[in-house]
Amino acid sequence: MKRWDTIWLGALIGLLLPALFCLAYAHTISLQFLWQEGMFETLKPVIGQMMLLSTFVDMAAMFLLYEFNLWRIAKGIVLGIIPYMAAAILLL
């Protein structure tokens, strides 16, 4: 298992997990009422909150990896969280 313990694998996981969570979460809510005039301004805070919520999935994965002593993958997940946190700050 130690040969898979790389920062790049963690960064890939850190970038993919929130995106998959956002896609799964977007299918559970109805955003049809937001598709009106001024759509971007009303969607901006919703997308920002969804991005913040999706980073918790990465944090849970990071906790599990620390429990299994896979330190480099956990560090890579932190690198994957950074773009989502920056985008969420800009959108909120």
N, C-alpha and C. Protein backbone atom coordinates (compact mmCIF):
# COMPACT_ATOMS: atom_id res chain seq x y z
N MET A 1 0.82 -1.20 0.00
CA MET A 1 0.00 0.00 0.00
C MET A 1 0.86 1.26 0.00
N LYS A 2 2.10 1.14 0.42
CA LYS A 2 2.96 2.32 0.50
C LYS A 2 3.35 2.86 -0.88
N ARG A 3 3.31 2.03 -1.91
CA ARG A 3 3.69 2.55 -3.22
C ARG A 3 2.61 3.46 -3.80
N TRP A 4 1.37 3.34 -3.34
CA TRP A 4 0.29 4.22 -3.77
C TRP A 4 0.23 5.50 -2.96
N ASP A 5 1.07 5.62 -1.95
CA ASP A 5 1.06 6.77 -1.05
C ASP A 5 1.83 7.93 -1.69
N THR A 6 1.19 8.63 -2.65
CA THR A 6 1.82 9.75 -3.32
C THR A 6 0.94 11.00 -3.20
N ILE A 7 1.57 12.13 -3.26
CA ILE A 7 0.85 13.40 -3.15
C ILE A 7 -0.04 13.60 -4.38
N TRP A 8 0.42 13.17 -5.55
CA TRP A 8 -0.35 13.39 -6.78
C TRP A 8 -1.65 12.60 -6.79
N LEU A 9 -1.63 11.40 -6.26
CA LEU A 9 -2.86 10.62 -6.14
C LEU A 9 -3.83 11.30 -5.18
N GLY A 10 -3.30 11.84 -4.10
CA GLY A 10 -4.14 12.57 -3.15
C GLY A 10 -4.72 13.84 -3.75
N ALA A 11 -3.93 14.54 -4.56
CA ALA A 11 -4.44 15.75 -5.21
C ALA A 11 -5.55 15.42 -6.20
N LEU A 12 -5.40 14.32 -6.92
CA LEU A 12 -6.44 13.88 -7.84
C LEU A 12 -7.72 13.52 -7.08
N ILE A 13 -7.57 12.80 -6.00
CA ILE A 13 -8.73 12.45 -5.16
C ILE A 13 -9.35 13.72 -4.59
N GLY A 14 -8.51 14.65 -4.14
CA GLY A 14 -9.00 15.90 -3.58
C GLY A 14 -9.74 16.77 -4.57
N LEU A 15 -9.42 16.66 -5.84
CA LEU A 15 -10.13 17.42 -6.87
C LEU A 15 -11.40 16.72 -7.33
N LEU A 16 -11.40 15.39 -7.33
CA LEU A 16 -12.55 14.65 -7.85
C LEU A 16 -13.67 14.47 -6.84
N LEU A 17 -13.34 14.23 -5.57
CA LEU A 17 -14.39 13.97 -4.57
C LEU A 17 -15.39 15.12 -4.43
N PRO A 18 -14.95 16.37 -4.29
CA PRO A 18 -15.94 17.45 -4.19
C PRO A 18 -16.77 17.63 -5.46
N ALA A 19 -16.15 17.42 -6.61
CA ALA A 19 -16.91 17.56 -7.86
C ALA A 19 -18.00 16.49 -7.95
N LEU A 20 -17.66 15.26 -7.57
CA LEU A 20 -18.66 14.20 -7.58
C LEU A 20 -19.76 14.45 -6.56
N PHE A 21 -19.38 14.98 -5.39
CA PHE A 21 -20.37 15.30 -4.38
C PHE A 21 -21.30 16.41 -4.86
N CYS A 22 -20.74 17.43 -5.50
CA CYS A 22 -21.57 18.53 -6.02
C CYS A 22 -22.54 18.03 -7.07
N LEU A 23 -22.08 17.14 -7.94
CA LEU A 23 -22.99 16.59 -8.96
C LEU A 23 -24.10 15.76 -8.32
N ALA A 24 -23.76 14.96 -7.33
CA ALA A 24 -24.77 14.14 -6.66
C ALA A 24 -25.74 15.01 -5.87
N TYR A 25 -25.22 16.05 -5.23
CA TYR A 25 -26.08 16.92 -4.42
C TYR A 25 -26.97 17.80 -5.30
N ALA A 26 -26.48 18.21 -6.44
CA ALA A 26 -27.27 19.06 -7.34
C ALA A 26 -28.48 18.32 -7.89
N HIS A 27 -28.39 17.01 -8.00
CA HIS A 27 -29.53 16.23 -8.50
C HIS A 27 -30.62 16.06 -7.44
N THR A 28 -30.30 16.30 -6.17
CA THR A 28 -31.31 16.10 -5.13
C THR A 28 -32.13 17.35 -4.86
N ILE A 29 -31.65 18.52 -5.29
CA ILE A 29 -32.41 19.74 -5.05
C ILE A 29 -32.96 20.27 -6.37
N SER A 30 -34.02 21.02 -6.29
CA SER A 30 -34.64 21.58 -7.49
C SER A 30 -34.23 23.05 -7.62
N LEU A 31 -33.51 23.35 -8.66
CA LEU A 31 -33.05 24.72 -8.89
C LEU A 31 -33.82 25.39 -10.03
N GLN A 32 -34.98 24.85 -10.37
CA GLN A 32 -35.72 25.38 -11.50
C GLN A 32 -36.22 26.80 -11.24
N PHE A 33 -36.52 27.13 -9.99
CA PHE A 33 -37.01 28.47 -9.71
C PHE A 33 -35.92 29.52 -9.86
N LEU A 34 -34.66 29.10 -9.90
CA LEU A 34 -33.56 30.06 -10.04
C LEU A 34 -33.25 30.39 -11.50
N TRP A 35 -33.80 29.62 -12.44
CA TRP A 35 -33.52 29.85 -13.86
C TRP A 35 -34.43 30.95 -14.40
N GLN A 36 -34.26 32.13 -13.88
CA GLN A 36 -35.02 33.28 -14.31
C GLN A 36 -34.05 34.40 -14.63
N GLU A 37 -34.57 35.58 -14.72
CA GLU A 37 -33.72 36.74 -15.00
C GLU A 37 -32.77 36.97 -13.82
N GLY A 38 -31.54 37.28 -14.08
CA GLY A 38 -30.54 37.48 -13.03
C GLY A 38 -30.10 36.16 -12.43
N MET A 39 -29.99 35.16 -13.27
CA MET A 39 -29.71 33.80 -12.80
C MET A 39 -28.38 33.70 -12.07
N PHE A 40 -27.32 34.30 -12.60
CA PHE A 40 -26.00 34.14 -12.00
C PHE A 40 -25.94 34.74 -10.60
N GLU A 41 -26.57 35.86 -10.41
CA GLU A 41 -26.52 36.51 -9.09
C GLU A 41 -27.26 35.69 -8.04
N THR A 42 -28.31 34.98 -8.43
CA THR A 42 -29.01 34.15 -7.45
C THR A 42 -28.33 32.81 -7.26
N LEU A 43 -27.66 32.30 -8.27
CA LEU A 43 -26.97 31.01 -8.15
C LEU A 43 -25.62 31.12 -7.46
N LYS A 44 -25.03 32.28 -7.47
CA LYS A 44 -23.69 32.45 -6.92
C LYS A 44 -23.56 32.00 -5.46
N PRO A 45 -24.43 32.43 -4.55
CA PRO A 45 -24.29 31.96 -3.17
C PRO A 45 -24.61 30.48 -3.00
N VAL A 46 -25.52 29.96 -3.80
CA VAL A 46 -25.87 28.54 -3.71
C VAL A 46 -24.68 27.69 -4.13
N ILE A 47 -24.02 28.07 -5.19
CA ILE A 47 -22.85 27.33 -5.66
C ILE A 47 -21.71 27.44 -4.64
N GLY A 48 -21.53 28.61 -4.06
CA GLY A 48 -20.49 28.79 -3.04
C GLY A 48 -20.74 27.92 -1.83
N GLN A 49 -21.99 27.84 -1.37
CA GLN A 49 -22.30 27.00 -0.22
C GLN A 49 -22.13 25.53 -0.56
N MET A 50 -22.47 25.15 -1.78
CA MET A 50 -22.30 23.76 -2.18
C MET A 50 -20.82 23.40 -2.23
N MET A 51 -19.98 24.33 -2.66
CA MET A 51 -18.54 24.06 -2.68
C MET A 51 -17.98 23.93 -1.28
N LEU A 52 -18.44 24.77 -0.37
CA LEU A 52 -17.98 24.65 1.01
C LEU A 52 -18.43 23.32 1.62
N LEU A 53 -19.65 22.93 1.34
CA LEU A 53 -20.16 21.66 1.85
C LEU A 53 -19.39 20.49 1.27
N SER A 54 -18.99 20.59 0.03
CA SER A 54 -18.28 19.48 -0.61
C SER A 54 -16.86 19.31 -0.06
N THR A 55 -16.29 20.35 0.53
CA THR A 55 -14.95 20.19 1.10
C THR A 55 -14.97 19.32 2.34
N PHE A 56 -16.12 19.18 2.98
CA PHE A 56 -16.21 18.30 4.14
C PHE A 56 -16.01 16.84 3.74
N VAL A 57 -16.36 16.48 2.52
CA VAL A 57 -16.11 15.13 2.02
C VAL A 57 -14.61 14.88 1.95
N ASP A 58 -13.87 15.88 1.47
CA ASP A 58 -12.41 15.76 1.43
C ASP A 58 -11.82 15.66 2.83
N MET A 59 -12.37 16.43 3.74
CA MET A 59 -11.84 16.38 5.11
C MET A 59 -12.10 15.03 5.76
N ALA A 60 -13.24 14.42 5.47
CA ALA A 60 -13.53 13.08 6.00
C ALA A 60 -12.57 12.06 5.39
N ALA A 61 -12.32 12.17 4.10
CA ALA A 61 -11.37 11.27 3.45
C ALA A 61 -9.97 11.46 4.01
N MET A 62 -9.61 12.71 4.29
CA MET A 62 -8.30 12.99 4.86
C MET A 62 -8.17 12.37 6.25
N PHE A 63 -9.22 12.43 7.05
CA PHE A 63 -9.20 11.82 8.37
C PHE A 63 -9.00 10.31 8.27
N LEU A 64 -9.72 9.67 7.34
CA LEU A 64 -9.56 8.23 7.17
C LEU A 64 -8.15 7.86 6.72
N LEU A 65 -7.57 8.65 5.84
CA LEU A 65 -6.22 8.36 5.38
C LEU A 65 -5.19 8.55 6.49
N TYR A 66 -5.40 9.52 7.37
CA TYR A 66 -4.51 9.67 8.52
C TYR A 66 -4.61 8.48 9.45
N GLU A 67 -5.81 7.91 9.59
CA GLU A 67 -5.98 6.74 10.44
C GLU A 67 -5.23 5.52 9.88
N PHE A 68 -5.12 5.43 8.55
CA PHE A 68 -4.41 4.32 7.93
C PHE A 68 -2.94 4.66 7.63
N ASN A 69 -2.45 5.76 8.17
CA ASN A 69 -1.05 6.20 8.02
C ASN A 69 -0.63 6.40 6.58
N LEU A 70 -1.51 6.92 5.77
CA LEU A 70 -1.20 7.28 4.38
C LEU A 70 -1.05 8.80 4.32
N TRP A 71 0.08 9.27 4.79
CA TRP A 71 0.31 10.69 5.00
C TRP A 71 0.38 11.48 3.70
N ARG A 72 1.05 10.96 2.70
CA ARG A 72 1.24 11.72 1.46
C ARG A 72 -0.07 11.91 0.70
N ILE A 73 -0.91 10.89 0.69
CA ILE A 73 -2.21 11.04 0.02
C ILE A 73 -3.04 12.10 0.75
N ALA A 74 -2.98 12.08 2.07
CA ALA A 74 -3.72 13.08 2.86
C ALA A 74 -3.21 14.50 2.58
N LYS A 75 -1.91 14.65 2.42
CA LYS A 75 -1.35 15.96 2.06
C LYS A 75 -1.82 16.39 0.67
N GLY A 76 -1.91 15.45 -0.25
CA GLY A 76 -2.40 15.76 -1.59
C GLY A 76 -3.86 16.19 -1.58
N ILE A 77 -4.65 15.61 -0.69
CA ILE A 77 -6.05 16.01 -0.58
C ILE A 77 -6.16 17.46 -0.13
N VAL A 78 -5.26 17.86 0.75
CA VAL A 78 -5.24 19.27 1.17
C VAL A 78 -4.96 20.16 -0.04
N LEU A 79 -4.07 19.74 -0.91
CA LEU A 79 -3.80 20.51 -2.14
C LEU A 79 -5.04 20.57 -3.03
N GLY A 80 -5.82 19.50 -3.05
CA GLY A 80 -7.04 19.48 -3.84
C GLY A 80 -8.15 20.34 -3.28
N ILE A 81 -8.11 20.59 -1.98
CA ILE A 81 -9.14 21.42 -1.33
C ILE A 81 -8.94 22.89 -1.66
N ILE A 82 -7.71 23.31 -1.88
CA ILE A 82 -7.39 24.73 -2.04
C ILE A 82 -8.18 25.41 -3.16
N PRO A 83 -8.29 24.85 -4.37
CA PRO A 83 -9.08 25.55 -5.40
C PRO A 83 -10.57 25.66 -5.06
N TYR A 84 -11.11 24.65 -4.40
CA TYR A 84 -12.52 24.71 -4.01
C TYR A 84 -12.77 25.76 -2.94
N MET A 85 -11.86 25.87 -2.00
CA MET A 85 -12.01 26.88 -0.95
C MET A 85 -11.87 28.30 -1.54
N ALA A 86 -10.94 28.47 -2.45
CA ALA A 86 -10.76 29.78 -3.08
C ALA A 86 -12.00 30.17 -3.90
N ALA A 87 -12.53 29.22 -4.64
CA ALA A 87 -13.74 29.50 -5.43
C ALA A 87 -14.93 29.78 -4.52
N ALA A 88 -15.05 29.05 -3.43
CA ALA A 88 -16.16 29.28 -2.51
C ALA A 88 -16.06 30.66 -1.86
N ILE A 89 -14.87 31.08 -1.52
CA ILE A 89 -14.69 32.41 -0.92
C ILE A 89 -15.06 33.50 -1.93
N LEU A 90 -14.67 33.31 -3.18
CA LEU A 90 -15.00 34.30 -4.21
C LEU A 90 -16.51 34.34 -4.50
N LEU A 91 -17.18 33.22 -4.40
CA LEU A 91 -18.61 33.16 -4.70
C LEU A 91 -19.48 33.61 -3.55
N LEU A 92 -18.99 33.54 -2.33
CA LEU A 92 -19.81 33.97 -1.19
C LEU A 92 -19.61 35.40 -0.91
